Amino acid sequence: MDKLEKYRQIVKKLLQDHSSNDHQIECQLICDIENDHYQIVEMGWQNFTRIYACYIHIDIKDQKIWIQNNMTEIDLGEELVDRGVPASDIVLGFQHPYKRPYTNYGVA
C-alpha cells in the first residue's frame, strides 16, 4: 500500500472513531477522497439553538497530514503518531507558519 492510501485510511479511521450521534445532534463524517479533505461536522437543534460546527478538519497535502481545525480536547497529532504516522508528516495547519518549527511536528 502506498503512503497516500495508508494516510487516507488512517485519517478516515481516526475520524470514524471520534464521530458519534445522539438523537438531537447529527454528526456527519465527510471524506472527500478525490481532494483529500476530511471533516467531522455536527448539526441539529438543541432546544431553540441551531448547532452547526466543523469540529475536526484534516487535509492530506503533499504526502503530509494537515490538521486544519481541532475544536476538541483530543490531541490529534499524538493519535496520528500512535497510528503509525511520523511526526514529521503531520503539520499543524491551525498554527501560524512561524510557530511550526517550535512544535514536535512537520513545518510544511
C-alpha atoms as a PDB file:
ATOM      1  CA  MET A   1       0.000   0.000   0.000  1.00  0.00           C
ATOM      2  CA  ASP A   2       1.385   3.401  -0.913  1.00  0.00           C
ATOM      3  CA  LYS A   3       1.825   6.197   1.620  1.00  0.00           C
ATOM      4  CA  LEU A   4      -1.120   8.302   0.391  1.00  0.00           C
ATOM      5  CA  GLU A   5      -3.581   5.416   0.609  1.00  0.00           C
ATOM      6  CA  LYS A   6      -2.240   4.468   4.050  1.00  0.00           C
ATOM      7  CA  TYR A   7      -2.742   8.051   5.297  1.00  0.00           C
ATOM      8  CA  ARG A   8      -6.268   8.163   3.838  1.00  0.00           C
ATOM      9  CA  GLN A   9      -7.195   5.014   5.751  1.00  0.00           C
ATOM     10  CA  ILE A  10      -5.615   6.243   8.989  1.00  0.00           C
ATOM     11  CA  VAL A  11      -7.385   9.618   8.823  1.00  0.00           C
ATOM     12  CA  LYS A  12     -10.734   8.074   7.935  1.00  0.00           C
ATOM     13  CA  LYS A  13     -10.491   5.552  10.804  1.00  0.00           C
ATOM     14  CA  LEU A  14      -9.433   8.281  13.244  1.00  0.00           C
ATOM     15  CA  LEU A  15     -12.489  10.371  12.355  1.00  0.00           C
ATOM     16  CA  GLN A  16     -14.796   7.350  12.491  1.00  0.00           C
ATOM     17  CA  ASP A  17     -13.511   6.591  15.981  1.00  0.00           C
ATOM     18  CA  HIS A  18     -14.332  10.148  17.117  1.00  0.00           C
ATOM     19  CA  SER A  19     -17.672  10.693  15.420  1.00  0.00           C
ATOM     20  CA  SER A  20     -20.831   9.913  17.328  1.00  0.00           C
ATOM     21  CA  ASN A  21     -24.512  10.654  17.040  1.00  0.00           C
ATOM     22  CA  ASP A  22     -27.028  11.460  19.677  1.00  0.00           C
ATOM     23  CA  HIS A  23     -30.699  11.895  18.960  1.00  0.00           C
ATOM     24  CA  GLN A  24     -30.709  15.685  18.679  1.00  0.00           C
ATOM     25  CA  ILE A  25     -27.376  16.463  17.047  1.00  0.00           C
ATOM     26  CA  GLU A  26     -26.353  14.760  13.806  1.00  0.00           C
ATOM     27  CA  CYS A  27     -22.667  14.041  13.349  1.00  0.00           C
ATOM     28  CA  GLN A  28     -21.519  13.840   9.740  1.00  0.00           C
ATOM     29  CA  LEU A  29     -18.237  12.305   8.692  1.00  0.00           C
ATOM     30  CA  ILE A  30     -17.202  13.950   5.423  1.00  0.00           C
ATOM     31  CA  CYS A  31     -14.497  12.207   3.380  1.00  0.00           C
ATOM     32  CA  ASP A  32     -13.585  13.840   0.073  1.00  0.00           C
ATOM     33  CA  ILE A  33     -11.024  11.286  -1.090  1.00  0.00           C
ATOM     34  CA  GLU A  34     -10.598  12.902  -4.516  1.00  0.00           C
ATOM     35  CA  ASN A  35      -9.348  16.160  -2.949  1.00  0.00           C
ATOM     36  CA  ASP A  36      -8.219  14.686   0.385  1.00  0.00           C
ATOM     37  CA  HIS A  37     -10.408  16.762   2.711  1.00  0.00           C
ATOM     38  CA  TYR A  38     -11.797  15.079   5.834  1.00  0.00           C
ATOM     39  CA  GLN A  39     -14.139  16.614   8.409  1.00  0.00           C
ATOM     40  CA  ILE A  40     -16.449  15.935  11.308  1.00  0.00           C
ATOM     41  CA  VAL A  41     -19.424  18.289  11.216  1.00  0.00           C
ATOM     42  CA  GLU A  42     -22.195  18.403  13.780  1.00  0.00           C
ATOM     43  CA  MET A  43     -25.592  19.932  13.101  1.00  0.00           C
ATOM     44  CA  GLY A  44     -29.038  19.997  14.583  1.00  0.00           C
ATOM     45  CA  TRP A  45     -31.070  21.730  17.242  1.00  0.00           C
ATOM     46  CA  GLN A  46     -30.517  21.935  20.964  1.00  0.00           C
ATOM     47  CA  ASN A  47     -33.735  23.378  22.369  1.00  0.00           C
ATOM     48  CA  PHE A  48     -34.136  26.582  20.306  1.00  0.00           C
ATOM     49  CA  THR A  49     -30.459  26.922  19.384  1.00  0.00           C
ATOM     50  CA  ARG A  50     -29.142  25.839  15.991  1.00  0.00           C
ATOM     51  CA  ILE A  51     -25.951  23.805  16.233  1.00  0.00           C
ATOM     52  CA  TYR A  52     -23.592  23.743  13.261  1.00  0.00           C
ATOM     53  CA  ALA A  53     -19.874  23.281  13.684  1.00  0.00           C
ATOM     54  CA  CYS A  54     -16.897  21.714  11.986  1.00  0.00           C
ATOM     55  CA  TYR A  55     -15.081  20.173  14.938  1.00  0.00           C
ATOM     56  CA  ILE A  56     -12.270  18.441  13.086  1.00  0.00           C
ATOM     57  CA  HIS A  57     -10.855  19.250   9.653  1.00  0.00           C
ATOM     58  CA  ILE A  58      -7.889  17.340   8.254  1.00  0.00           C
ATOM     59  CA  ASP A  59      -6.351  17.578   4.783  1.00  0.00           C
ATOM     60  CA  ILE A  60      -3.697  15.479   3.104  1.00  0.00           C
ATOM     61  CA  LYS A  61      -1.374  17.670   1.033  1.00  0.00           C
ATOM     62  CA  ASP A  62       2.000  16.829  -0.470  1.00  0.00           C
ATOM     63  CA  GLN A  63       2.171  13.461   1.348  1.00  0.00           C
ATOM     64  CA  LYS A  64       1.596  15.112   4.739  1.00  0.00           C
ATOM     65  CA  ILE A  65      -1.401  15.182   7.051  1.00  0.00           C
ATOM     66  CA  TRP A  66      -2.503  18.739   7.816  1.00  0.00           C
ATOM     67  CA  ILE A  67      -4.620  19.294  10.924  1.00  0.00           C
ATOM     68  CA  GLN A  68      -6.554  22.390   9.844  1.00  0.00           C
ATOM     69  CA  ASN A  69      -9.023  22.617  12.722  1.00  0.00           C
ATOM     70  CA  ASN A  70      -9.422  20.819  16.025  1.00  0.00           C
ATOM     71  CA  MET A  71     -12.177  22.091  18.282  1.00  0.00           C
ATOM     72  CA  THR A  72     -11.928  19.084  20.610  1.00  0.00           C
ATOM     73  CA  GLU A  73      -9.781  18.105  23.557  1.00  0.00           C
ATOM     74  CA  ILE A  74      -8.310  15.253  21.519  1.00  0.00           C
ATOM     75  CA  ASP A  75      -4.604  15.505  20.679  1.00  0.00           C
ATOM     76  CA  LEU A  76      -4.993  14.530  17.022  1.00  0.00           C
ATOM     77  CA  GLY A  77      -1.267  14.742  16.327  1.00  0.00           C
ATOM     78  CA  GLU A  78      -0.489  12.313  19.124  1.00  0.00           C
ATOM     79  CA  GLU A  79      -3.190   9.924  17.946  1.00  0.00           C
ATOM     80  CA  LEU A  80      -1.845  10.030  14.390  1.00  0.00           C
ATOM     81  CA  VAL A  81       1.652   9.226  15.669  1.00  0.00           C
ATOM     82  CA  ASP A  82       0.196   6.346  17.708  1.00  0.00           C
ATOM     83  CA  ARG A  83      -1.383   5.051  14.490  1.00  0.00           C
ATOM     84  CA  GLY A  84       1.944   4.997  12.668  1.00  0.00           C
ATOM     85  CA  VAL A  85       2.295   8.451  11.094  1.00  0.00           C
ATOM     86  CA  PRO A  86       5.750  10.008  11.597  1.00  0.00           C
ATOM     87  CA  ALA A  87       5.544  13.338  13.449  1.00  0.00           C
ATOM     88  CA  SER A  88       7.442  14.951  10.565  1.00  0.00           C
ATOM     89  CA  ASP A  89       4.485  14.092   8.259  1.00  0.00           C
ATOM     90  CA  ILE A  90       1.976  15.935  10.458  1.00  0.00           C
ATOM     91  CA  VAL A  91       1.510  19.690  10.016  1.00  0.00           C
ATOM     92  CA  LEU A  92      -0.481  21.833  12.427  1.00  0.00           C
ATOM     93  CA  GLY A  93      -2.201  23.984   9.813  1.00  0.00           C
ATOM     94  CA  PHE A  94      -4.019  25.966  12.510  1.00  0.00           C
ATOM     95  CA  GLN A  95      -0.644  27.208  13.797  1.00  0.00           C
ATOM     96  CA  HIS A  96       0.965  30.200  12.120  1.00  0.00           C
ATOM     97  CA  PRO A  97       3.902  29.087   9.923  1.00  0.00           C
ATOM     98  CA  TYR A  98       6.425  30.896  12.127  1.00  0.00           C
ATOM     99  CA  LYS A  99       5.336  28.760  15.125  1.00  0.00           C
ATOM    100  CA  ARG A 100       5.502  25.384  13.380  1.00  0.00           C
ATOM    101  CA  PRO A 101       9.272  24.860  13.804  1.00  0.00           C
ATOM    102  CA  TYR A 102       8.732  25.016  17.566  1.00  0.00           C
ATOM    103  CA  THR A 103       6.225  22.156  17.591  1.00  0.00           C
ATOM    104  CA  ASN A 104       7.063  18.465  17.581  1.00  0.00           C
ATOM    105  CA  TYR A 105       5.576  18.153  14.100  1.00  0.00           C
ATOM    106  CA  GLY A 106       6.390  18.990  10.487  1.00  0.00           C
ATOM    107  CA  VAL A 107       6.606  22.532   9.171  1.00  0.00           C
ATOM    108  CA  ALA A 108       5.024  22.054   5.696  1.00  0.00           C
END
